[in-house]
Amino acid sequence: MFIALDFDQTFTRDPKAWTDFIHLMQREGHTVYCVTMRYPEGKEYQVVNQALGHLVDGLFCTGRKGKRTFMAERQINIDVWIDDMPDFIIMDAAA
């Protein structure tokens, strides 16, 4: 199973619990990605990479683009989305 975990207001609300969740899913053979609408460069990326880069199987910053389309363009089909703002899985955000 491919799982996409949002960063802001999802992972950041309870980092310890989400870290435990990531480890559990990986032990069960699942792939966990961080998919965030942050920009893929500069401080925005560095903050996410420092918190999650060593934990997840991949880190994707969409640059405010809709997450589902962004991941599909990379030929990664997510089975389960975990996001505090699910609208942004399917739609872009204002820049």
PDB file of N, CA and C in Angstrom:
ATOM      1  N   MET A   1       0.855  -1.175   0.000  1.00  0.00           N
ATOM      2  CA  MET A   1       0.000   0.000   0.000  1.00  0.00           C
ATOM      3  C   MET A   1       0.897   1.232   0.000  1.00  0.00           C
ATOM      4  N   PHE A   2       0.502   2.231  -0.773  1.00  0.00           N
ATOM      5  CA  PHE A   2       1.212   3.509  -0.833  1.00  0.00           C
ATOM      6  C   PHE A   2       0.397   4.547  -0.059  1.00  0.00           C
ATOM      7  N   ILE A   3       1.024   5.140   0.942  1.00  0.00           N
ATOM      8  CA  ILE A   3       0.368   6.092   1.836  1.00  0.00           C
ATOM      9  C   ILE A   3       1.020   7.452   1.674  1.00  0.00           C
ATOM     10  N   ALA A   4       0.203   8.505   1.544  1.00  0.00           N
ATOM     11  CA  ALA A   4       0.695   9.881   1.485  1.00  0.00           C
ATOM     12  C   ALA A   4       0.283  10.600   2.762  1.00  0.00           C
ATOM     13  N   LEU A   5       1.263  11.087   3.482  1.00  0.00           N
ATOM     14  CA  LEU A   5       1.036  11.809   4.734  1.00  0.00           C
ATOM     15  C   LEU A   5       1.383  13.283   4.529  1.00  0.00           C
ATOM     16  N   ASP A   6       0.443  14.142   4.820  1.00  0.00           N
ATOM     17  CA  ASP A   6       0.658  15.585   4.737  1.00  0.00           C
ATOM     18  C   ASP A   6       1.563  16.029   5.889  1.00  0.00           C
ATOM     19  N   PHE A   7       2.216  17.176   5.722  1.00  0.00           N
ATOM     20  CA  PHE A   7       3.117  17.686   6.755  1.00  0.00           C
ATOM     21  C   PHE A   7       2.436  18.715   7.659  1.00  0.00           C
ATOM     22  N   ASP A   8       2.102  19.892   7.108  1.00  0.00           N
ATOM     23  CA  ASP A   8       1.568  20.986   7.917  1.00  0.00           C
ATOM     24  C   ASP A   8       0.180  20.658   8.465  1.00  0.00           C
ATOM     25  N   GLN A   9       0.053  20.802   9.748  1.00  0.00           N
ATOM     26  CA  GLN A   9      -1.211  20.552  10.456  1.00  0.00           C
ATOM     27  C   GLN A   9      -1.678  19.094  10.386  1.00  0.00           C
ATOM     28  N   THR A  10      -0.826  18.212   9.929  1.00  0.00           N
ATOM     29  CA  THR A  10      -1.102  16.770  10.004  1.00  0.00           C
ATOM     30  C   THR A  10       0.048  16.164  10.794  1.00  0.00           C
ATOM     31  N   PHE A  11       1.198  15.933  10.159  1.00  0.00           N
ATOM     32  CA  PHE A  11       2.361  15.431  10.899  1.00  0.00           C
ATOM     33  C   PHE A  11       2.712  16.365  12.048  1.00  0.00           C
ATOM     34  N   THR A  12       2.668  17.670  11.802  1.00  0.00           N
ATOM     35  CA  THR A  12       3.102  18.632  12.823  1.00  0.00           C
ATOM     36  C   THR A  12       2.201  18.678  14.047  1.00  0.00           C
ATOM     37  N   ARG A  13       0.994  18.172  13.955  1.00  0.00           N
ATOM     38  CA  ARG A  13       0.089  18.180  15.111  1.00  0.00           C
ATOM     39  C   ARG A  13       0.510  17.188  16.190  1.00  0.00           C
ATOM     40  N   ASP A  14       1.142  16.093  15.777  1.00  0.00           N
ATOM     41  CA  ASP A  14       1.597  15.099  16.754  1.00  0.00           C
ATOM     42  C   ASP A  14       2.737  14.282  16.148  1.00  0.00           C
ATOM     43  N   PRO A  15       3.922  14.890  16.042  1.00  0.00           N
ATOM     44  CA  PRO A  15       5.037  14.217  15.382  1.00  0.00           C
ATOM     45  C   PRO A  15       5.374  12.846  15.954  1.00  0.00           C
ATOM     46  N   LYS A  16       5.302  12.680  17.260  1.00  0.00           N
ATOM     47  CA  LYS A  16       5.631  11.377  17.841  1.00  0.00           C
ATOM     48  C   LYS A  16       4.655  10.299  17.390  1.00  0.00           C
ATOM     49  N   ALA A  17       3.370  10.592  17.434  1.00  0.00           N
ATOM     50  CA  ALA A  17       2.368   9.606  17.016  1.00  0.00           C
ATOM     51  C   ALA A  17       2.520   9.269  15.537  1.00  0.00           C
ATOM     52  N   TRP A  18       2.744  10.288  14.702  1.00  0.00           N
ATOM     53  CA  TRP A  18       2.896  10.030  13.269  1.00  0.00           C
ATOM     54  C   TRP A  18       4.195   9.288  12.970  1.00  0.00           C
ATOM     55  N   THR A  19       5.237   9.555  13.731  1.00  0.00           N
ATOM     56  CA  THR A  19       6.488   8.805  13.561  1.00  0.00           C
ATOM     57  C   THR A  19       6.254   7.334  13.884  1.00  0.00           C
ATOM     58  N   ASP A  20       5.542   7.060  14.963  1.00  0.00           N
ATOM     59  CA  ASP A  20       5.200   5.675  15.306  1.00  0.00           C
ATOM     60  C   ASP A  20       4.374   5.030  14.188  1.00  0.00           C
ATOM     61  N   PHE A  21       3.417   5.782  13.652  1.00  0.00           N
ATOM     62  CA  PHE A  21       2.584   5.289  12.557  1.00  0.00           C
ATOM     63  C   PHE A  21       3.435   4.952  11.329  1.00  0.00           C
ATOM     64  N   ILE A  22       4.349   5.848  10.970  1.00  0.00           N
ATOM     65  CA  ILE A  22       5.222   5.618   9.812  1.00  0.00           C
ATOM     66  C   ILE A  22       6.011   4.330  10.000  1.00  0.00           C
ATOM     67  N   HIS A  23       6.621   4.176  11.179  1.00  0.00           N
ATOM     68  CA  HIS A  23       7.407   2.965  11.444  1.00  0.00           C
ATOM     69  C   HIS A  23       6.540   1.704  11.380  1.00  0.00           C
ATOM     70  N   LEU A  24       5.349   1.772  11.937  1.00  0.00           N
ATOM     71  CA  LEU A  24       4.439   0.622  11.914  1.00  0.00           C
ATOM     72  C   LEU A  24       4.081   0.247  10.481  1.00  0.00           C
ATOM     73  N   MET A  25       3.704   1.219   9.680  1.00  0.00           N
ATOM     74  CA  MET A  25       3.329   0.940   8.297  1.00  0.00           C
ATOM     75  C   MET A  25       4.506   0.362   7.509  1.00  0.00           C
ATOM     76  N   GLN A  26       5.682   0.909   7.712  1.00  0.00           N
ATOM     77  CA  GLN A  26       6.864   0.392   7.013  1.00  0.00           C
ATOM     78  C   GLN A  26       7.184  -1.032   7.455  1.00  0.00           C
ATOM     79  N   ARG A  27       7.061  -1.324   8.735  1.00  0.00           N
ATOM     80  CA  ARG A  27       7.295  -2.701   9.226  1.00  0.00           C
ATOM     81  C   ARG A  27       6.311  -3.685   8.597  1.00  0.00           C
ATOM     82  N   GLU A  28       5.116  -3.201   8.299  1.00  0.00           N
ATOM     83  CA  GLU A  28       4.090  -4.051   7.687  1.00  0.00           C
ATOM     84  C   GLU A  28       4.259  -4.140   6.169  1.00  0.00           C
ATOM     85  N   GLY A  29       5.297  -3.505   5.639  1.00  0.00           N
ATOM     86  CA  GLY A  29       5.597  -3.601   4.216  1.00  0.00           C
ATOM     87  C   GLY A  29       5.012  -2.507   3.349  1.00  0.00           C
ATOM     88  N   HIS A  30       4.465  -1.473   3.961  1.00  0.00           N
ATOM     89  CA  HIS A  30       3.857  -0.383   3.212  1.00  0.00           C
ATOM     90  C   HIS A  30       4.881   0.715   2.936  1.00  0.00           C
ATOM     91  N   THR A  31       4.588   1.537   1.957  1.00  0.00           N
ATOM     92  CA  THR A  31       5.432   2.662   1.577  1.00  0.00           C
ATOM     93  C   THR A  31       4.750   3.945   2.036  1.00  0.00           C
ATOM     94  N   VAL A  32       5.488   4.767   2.773  1.00  0.00           N
ATOM     95  CA  VAL A  32       4.931   6.021   3.284  1.00  0.00           C
ATOM     96  C   VAL A  32       5.708   7.184   2.687  1.00  0.00           C
ATOM     97  N   TYR A  33       4.969   8.069   2.020  1.00  0.00           N
ATOM     98  CA  TYR A  33       5.540   9.283   1.456  1.00  0.00           C
ATOM     99  C   TYR A  33       5.012  10.480   2.227  1.00  0.00           C
ATOM    100  N   CYS A  34       5.807  11.518   2.290  1.00  0.00           N
ATOM    101  CA  CYS A  34       5.302  12.813   2.716  1.00  0.00           C
ATOM    102  C   CYS A  34       4.985  13.577   1.441  1.00  0.00           C
ATOM    103  N   VAL A  35       3.751  14.046   1.324  1.00  0.00           N
ATOM    104  CA  VAL A  35       3.345  14.854   0.167  1.00  0.00           C
ATOM    105  C   VAL A  35       2.774  16.150   0.724  1.00  0.00           C
ATOM    106  N   THR A  36       3.471  17.235   0.444  1.00  0.00           N
ATOM    107  CA  THR A  36       3.099  18.544   0.972  1.00  0.00           C
ATOM    108  C   THR A  36       3.024  19.558  -0.163  1.00  0.00           C
ATOM    109  N   MET A  37       2.229  20.595   0.036  1.00  0.00           N
ATOM    110  CA  MET A  37       2.100  21.635  -0.978  1.00  0.00           C
ATOM    111  C   MET A  37       3.206  22.685  -0.883  1.00  0.00           C
ATOM    112  N   ARG A  38       4.124  22.504   0.020  1.00  0.00           N
ATOM    113  CA  ARG A  38       5.249  23.435   0.129  1.00  0.00           C
ATOM    114  C   ARG A  38       6.053  23.450  -1.165  1.00  0.00           C
ATOM    115  N   TYR A  39       6.857  24.498  -1.310  1.00  0.00           N
ATOM    116  CA  TYR A  39       7.732  24.599  -2.473  1.00  0.00           C
ATOM    117  C   TYR A  39       8.952  23.699  -2.291  1.00  0.00           C
ATOM    118  N   PRO A  40       9.473  23.139  -3.394  1.00  0.00           N
ATOM    119  CA  PRO A  40      10.539  22.143  -3.302  1.00  0.00           C
ATOM    120  C   PRO A  40      11.948  22.722  -3.167  1.00  0.00           C
ATOM    121  N   GLU A  41      12.062  23.969  -2.769  1.00  0.00           N
ATOM    122  CA  GLU A  41      13.392  24.545  -2.610  1.00  0.00           C
ATOM    123  C   GLU A  41      13.400  25.467  -1.398  1.00  0.00           C
ATOM    124  N   GLY A  42      14.580  25.805  -0.967  1.00  0.00           N
ATOM    125  CA  GLY A  42      14.736  26.776   0.111  1.00  0.00           C
ATOM    126  C   GLY A  42      14.276  26.272   1.462  1.00  0.00           C
ATOM    127  N   LYS A  43      13.964  27.241   2.301  1.00  0.00           N
ATOM    128  CA  LYS A  43      13.616  26.946   3.697  1.00  0.00           C
ATOM    129  C   LYS A  43      12.375  26.058   3.811  1.00  0.00           C
ATOM    130  N   GLU A  44      11.382  26.257   2.941  1.00  0.00           N
ATOM    131  CA  GLU A  44      10.165  25.431   3.008  1.00  0.00           C
ATOM    132  C   GLU A  44      10.520  23.955   2.903  1.00  0.00           C
ATOM    133  N   TYR A  45      11.376  23.617   1.973  1.00  0.00           N
ATOM    134  CA  TYR A  45      11.789  22.221   1.797  1.00  0.00           C
ATOM    135  C   TYR A  45      12.640  21.761   2.976  1.00  0.00           C
ATOM    136  N   GLN A  46      13.568  22.596   3.404  1.00  0.00           N
ATOM    137  CA  GLN A  46      14.492  22.210   4.470  1.00  0.00           C
ATOM    138  C   GLN A  46      13.772  21.837   5.757  1.00  0.00           C
ATOM    139  N   VAL A  47      12.729  22.575   6.098  1.00  0.00           N
ATOM    140  CA  VAL A  47      11.968  22.297   7.322  1.00  0.00           C
ATOM    141  C   VAL A  47      11.351  20.902   7.258  1.00  0.00           C
ATOM    142  N   VAL A  48      10.723  20.580   6.141  1.00  0.00           N
ATOM    143  CA  VAL A  48      10.080  19.270   5.985  1.00  0.00           C
ATOM    144  C   VAL A  48      11.133  18.171   5.925  1.00  0.00           C
ATOM    145  N   ASN A  49      12.181  18.395   5.178  1.00  0.00           N
ATOM    146  CA  ASN A  49      13.231  17.384   5.045  1.00  0.00           C
ATOM    147  C   ASN A  49      13.882  17.086   6.392  1.00  0.00           C
ATOM    148  N   GLN A  50      14.110  18.100   7.202  1.00  0.00           N
ATOM    149  CA  GLN A  50      14.720  17.896   8.512  1.00  0.00           C
ATOM    150  C   GLN A  50      13.803  17.071   9.420  1.00  0.00           C
ATOM    151  N   ALA A  51      12.510  17.332   9.357  1.00  0.00           N
ATOM    152  CA  ALA A  51      11.564  16.633  10.225  1.00  0.00           C
ATOM    153  C   ALA A  51      11.253  15.219   9.752  1.00  0.00           C
ATOM    154  N   LEU A  52      11.151  15.023   8.432  1.00  0.00           N
ATOM    155  CA  LEU A  52      10.636  13.753   7.910  1.00  0.00           C
ATOM    156  C   LEU A  52      11.536  13.043   6.910  1.00  0.00           C
ATOM    157  N   GLY A  53      12.508  13.723   6.353  1.00  0.00           N
ATOM    158  CA  GLY A  53      13.318  13.136   5.287  1.00  0.00           C
ATOM    159  C   GLY A  53      13.939  11.803   5.634  1.00  0.00           C
ATOM    160  N   HIS A  54      14.337  11.639   6.880  1.00  0.00           N
ATOM    161  CA  HIS A  54      14.966  10.391   7.318  1.00  0.00           C
ATOM    162  C   HIS A  54      13.953   9.311   7.691  1.00  0.00           C
ATOM    163  N   LEU A  55      12.682   9.659   7.763  1.00  0.00           N
ATOM    164  CA  LEU A  55      11.647   8.708   8.195  1.00  0.00           C
ATOM    165  C   LEU A  55      10.863   8.090   7.047  1.00  0.00           C
ATOM    166  N   VAL A  56      10.520   8.901   6.061  1.00  0.00           N
ATOM    167  CA  VAL A  56       9.621   8.461   4.998  1.00  0.00           C
ATOM    168  C   VAL A  56      10.389   7.865   3.822  1.00  0.00           C
ATOM    169  N   ASP A  57       9.651   7.192   2.955  1.00  0.00           N
ATOM    170  CA  ASP A  57      10.242   6.555   1.775  1.00  0.00           C
ATOM    171  C   ASP A  57      10.433   7.532   0.619  1.00  0.00           C
ATOM    172  N   GLY A  58       9.887   8.719   0.752  1.00  0.00           N
ATOM    173  CA  GLY A  58      10.042   9.753  -0.247  1.00  0.00           C
ATOM    174  C   GLY A  58       9.378  11.024   0.233  1.00  0.00           C
ATOM    175  N   LEU A  59       9.920  12.152  -0.176  1.00  0.00           N
ATOM    176  CA  LEU A  59       9.398  13.456   0.212  1.00  0.00           C
ATOM    177  C   LEU A  59       9.097  14.244  -1.058  1.00  0.00           C
ATOM    178  N   PHE A  60       7.842  14.670  -1.202  1.00  0.00           N
ATOM    179  CA  PHE A  60       7.400  15.371  -2.402  1.00  0.00           C
ATOM    180  C   PHE A  60       6.774  16.707  -2.022  1.00  0.00           C
ATOM    181  N   CYS A  61       7.341  17.784  -2.559  1.00  0.00           N
ATOM    182  CA  CYS A  61       6.814  19.133  -2.383  1.00  0.00           C
ATOM    183  C   CYS A  61       6.213  19.555  -3.720  1.00  0.00           C
ATOM    184  N   THR A  62       4.922  19.803  -3.735  1.00  0.00           N
ATOM    185  CA  THR A  62       4.217  20.021  -5.001  1.00  0.00           C
ATOM    186  C   THR A  62       4.270  21.457  -5.500  1.00  0.00           C
ATOM    187  N   GLY A  63       4.795  22.385  -4.713  1.00  0.00           N
ATOM    188  CA  GLY A  63       4.822  23.778  -5.156  1.00  0.00           C
ATOM    189  C   GLY A  63       3.434  24.359  -5.356  1.00  0.00           C
ATOM    190  N   ARG A  64       2.502  23.981  -4.481  1.00  0.00           N
ATOM    191  CA  ARG A  64       1.116  24.466  -4.462  1.00  0.00           C
ATOM    192  C   ARG A  64       0.219  23.812  -5.506  1.00  0.00           C
ATOM    193  N   LYS A  65       0.689  22.764  -6.151  1.00  0.00           N
ATOM    194  CA  LYS A  65      -0.118  22.021  -7.124  1.00  0.00           C
ATOM    195  C   LYS A  65      -0.907  20.927  -6.402  1.00  0.00           C
ATOM    196  N   GLY A  66      -2.036  20.548  -6.980  1.00  0.00           N
ATOM    197  CA  GLY A  66      -2.841  19.466  -6.427  1.00  0.00           C
ATOM    198  C   GLY A  66      -2.010  18.191  -6.276  1.00  0.00           C
ATOM    199  N   LYS A  67      -2.139  17.546  -5.146  1.00  0.00           N
ATOM    200  CA  LYS A  67      -1.274  16.417  -4.792  1.00  0.00           C
ATOM    201  C   LYS A  67      -1.506  15.176  -5.655  1.00  0.00           C
ATOM    202  N   ARG A  68      -2.740  14.834  -5.931  1.00  0.00           N
ATOM    203  CA  ARG A  68      -3.025  13.614  -6.705  1.00  0.00           C
ATOM    204  C   ARG A  68      -2.412  13.705  -8.109  1.00  0.00           C
ATOM    205  N   THR A  69      -2.636  14.819  -8.798  1.00  0.00           N
ATOM    206  CA  THR A  69      -2.091  15.000 -10.137  1.00  0.00           C
ATOM    207  C   THR A  69      -0.570  15.018 -10.096  1.00  0.00           C
ATOM    208  N   PHE A  70      -0.012  15.722  -9.121  1.00  0.00           N
ATOM    209  CA  PHE A  70       1.444  15.808  -8.980  1.00  0.00           C
ATOM    210  C   PHE A  70       2.058  14.413  -8.850  1.00  0.00           C
ATOM    211  N   MET A  71       1.475  13.580  -8.009  1.00  0.00           N
ATOM    212  CA  MET A  71       2.022  12.232  -7.801  1.00  0.00           C
ATOM    213  C   MET A  71       1.778  11.350  -9.023  1.00  0.00           C
ATOM    214  N   ALA A  72       0.619  11.471  -9.656  1.00  0.00           N
ATOM    215  CA  ALA A  72       0.319  10.678 -10.857  1.00  0.00           C
ATOM    216  C   ALA A  72       1.302  11.009 -11.974  1.00  0.00           C
ATOM    217  N   GLU A  73       1.690  12.270 -12.088  1.00  0.00           N
ATOM    218  CA  GLU A  73       2.678  12.664 -13.098  1.00  0.00           C
ATOM    219  C   GLU A  73       4.019  11.970 -12.866  1.00  0.00           C
ATOM    220  N   ARG A  74       4.258  11.544 -11.649  1.00  0.00           N
ATOM    221  CA  ARG A  74       5.476  10.818 -11.301  1.00  0.00           C
ATOM    222  C   ARG A  74       5.239   9.307 -11.271  1.00  0.00           C
ATOM    223  N   GLN A  75       4.070   8.924 -11.770  1.00  0.00           N
ATOM    224  CA  GLN A  75       3.659   7.519 -11.853  1.00  0.00           C
ATOM    225  C   GLN A  75       3.652   6.834 -10.486  1.00  0.00           C
ATOM    226  N   ILE A  76       3.211   7.591  -9.484  1.00  0.00           N
ATOM    227  CA  ILE A  76       3.033   7.052  -8.130  1.00  0.00           C
ATOM    228  C   ILE A  76       1.557   7.183  -7.797  1.00  0.00           C
ATOM    229  N   ASN A  77       0.902   6.066  -7.642  1.00  0.00           N
ATOM    230  CA  ASN A  77      -0.519   6.052  -7.323  1.00  0.00           C
ATOM    231  C   ASN A  77      -0.701   5.782  -5.838  1.00  0.00           C
ATOM    232  N   ILE A  78      -1.215   6.778  -5.153  1.00  0.00           N
ATOM    233  CA  ILE A  78      -1.409   6.691  -3.709  1.00  0.00           C
ATOM    234  C   ILE A  78      -2.705   5.951  -3.409  1.00  0.00           C
ATOM    235  N   ASP A  79      -2.627   5.009  -2.470  1.00  0.00           N
ATOM    236  CA  ASP A  79      -3.805   4.253  -2.048  1.00  0.00           C
ATOM    237  C   ASP A  79      -4.557   4.957  -0.917  1.00  0.00           C
ATOM    238  N   VAL A  80      -3.816   5.562   0.014  1.00  0.00           N
ATOM    239  CA  VAL A  80      -4.425   6.203   1.182  1.00  0.00           C
ATOM    240  C   VAL A  80      -3.791   7.581   1.363  1.00  0.00           C
ATOM    241  N   TRP A  81      -4.650   8.591   1.411  1.00  0.00           N
ATOM    242  CA  TRP A  81      -4.216   9.965   1.656  1.00  0.00           C
ATOM    243  C   TRP A  81      -4.558  10.336   3.089  1.00  0.00           C
ATOM    244  N   ILE A  82      -3.609  10.918   3.812  1.00  0.00           N
ATOM    245  CA  ILE A  82      -3.854  11.411   5.168  1.00  0.00           C
ATOM    246  C   ILE A  82      -3.529  12.897   5.142  1.00  0.00           C
ATOM    247  N   ASP A  83      -4.569  13.725   5.271  1.00  0.00           N
ATOM    248  CA  ASP A  83      -4.411  15.148   5.041  1.00  0.00           C
ATOM    249  C   ASP A  83      -5.473  15.919   5.818  1.00  0.00           C
ATOM    250  N   ASP A  84      -5.072  17.006   6.471  1.00  0.00           N
ATOM    251  CA  ASP A  84      -6.042  17.813   7.208  1.00  0.00           C
ATOM    252  C   ASP A  84      -6.906  18.663   6.273  1.00  0.00           C
ATOM    253  N   MET A  85      -6.465  18.843   5.034  1.00  0.00           N
ATOM    254  CA  MET A  85      -7.220  19.633   4.055  1.00  0.00           C
ATOM    255  C   MET A  85      -7.352  18.816   2.770  1.00  0.00           C
ATOM    256  N   PRO A  86      -8.238  17.844   2.756  1.00  0.00           N
ATOM    257  CA  PRO A  86      -8.316  16.922   1.621  1.00  0.00           C
ATOM    258  C   PRO A  86      -8.658  17.567   0.280  1.00  0.00           C
ATOM    259  N   ASP A  87      -9.224  18.765   0.293  1.00  0.00           N
ATOM    260  CA  ASP A  87      -9.495  19.444  -0.980  1.00  0.00           C
ATOM    261  C   ASP A  87      -8.226  19.620  -1.798  1.00  0.00           C
ATOM    262  N   PHE A  88      -7.104  19.816  -1.124  1.00  0.00           N
ATOM    263  CA  PHE A  88      -5.856  20.060  -1.834  1.00  0.00           C
ATOM    264  C   PHE A  88      -5.209  18.797  -2.384  1.00  0.00           C
ATOM    265  N   ILE A  89      -5.823  17.671  -2.141  1.00  0.00           N
ATOM    266  CA  ILE A  89      -5.378  16.456  -2.824  1.00  0.00           C
ATOM    267  C   ILE A  89      -5.757  16.573  -4.307  1.00  0.00           C
ATOM    268  N   ILE A  90      -6.902  17.181  -4.571  1.00  0.00           N
ATOM    269  CA  ILE A  90      -7.389  17.241  -5.959  1.00  0.00           C
ATOM    270  C   ILE A  90      -7.348  18.629  -6.585  1.00  0.00           C
ATOM    271  N   MET A  91      -7.032  19.673  -5.812  1.00  0.00           N
ATOM    272  CA  MET A  91      -7.007  21.005  -6.405  1.00  0.00           C
ATOM    273  C   MET A  91      -5.743  21.767  -6.015  1.00  0.00           C
ATOM    274  N   ASP A  92      -5.361  22.703  -6.878  1.00  0.00           N
ATOM    275  CA  ASP A  92      -4.217  23.562  -6.598  1.00  0.00           C
ATOM    276  C   ASP A  92      -4.579  24.589  -5.528  1.00  0.00           C
ATOM    277  N   ALA A  93      -3.550  25.113  -4.874  1.00  0.00           N
ATOM    278  CA  ALA A  93      -3.740  26.203  -3.911  1.00  0.00           C
ATOM    279  C   ALA A  93      -3.284  27.501  -4.547  1.00  0.00           C
ATOM    280  N   ALA A  94      -3.779  28.583  -4.048  1.00  0.00           N
ATOM    281  CA  ALA A  94      -3.322  29.897  -4.534  1.00  0.00           C
ATOM    282  C   ALA A  94      -1.844  30.053  -4.202  1.00  0.00           C
ATOM    283  N   ALA A  95      -1.117  30.609  -5.115  1.00  0.00           N
ATOM    284  CA  ALA A  95       0.347  30.767  -4.941  1.00  0.00           C
ATOM    285  C   ALA A  95       0.702  31.748  -3.865  1.00  0.00           C
TER     286      ALA A  95
END
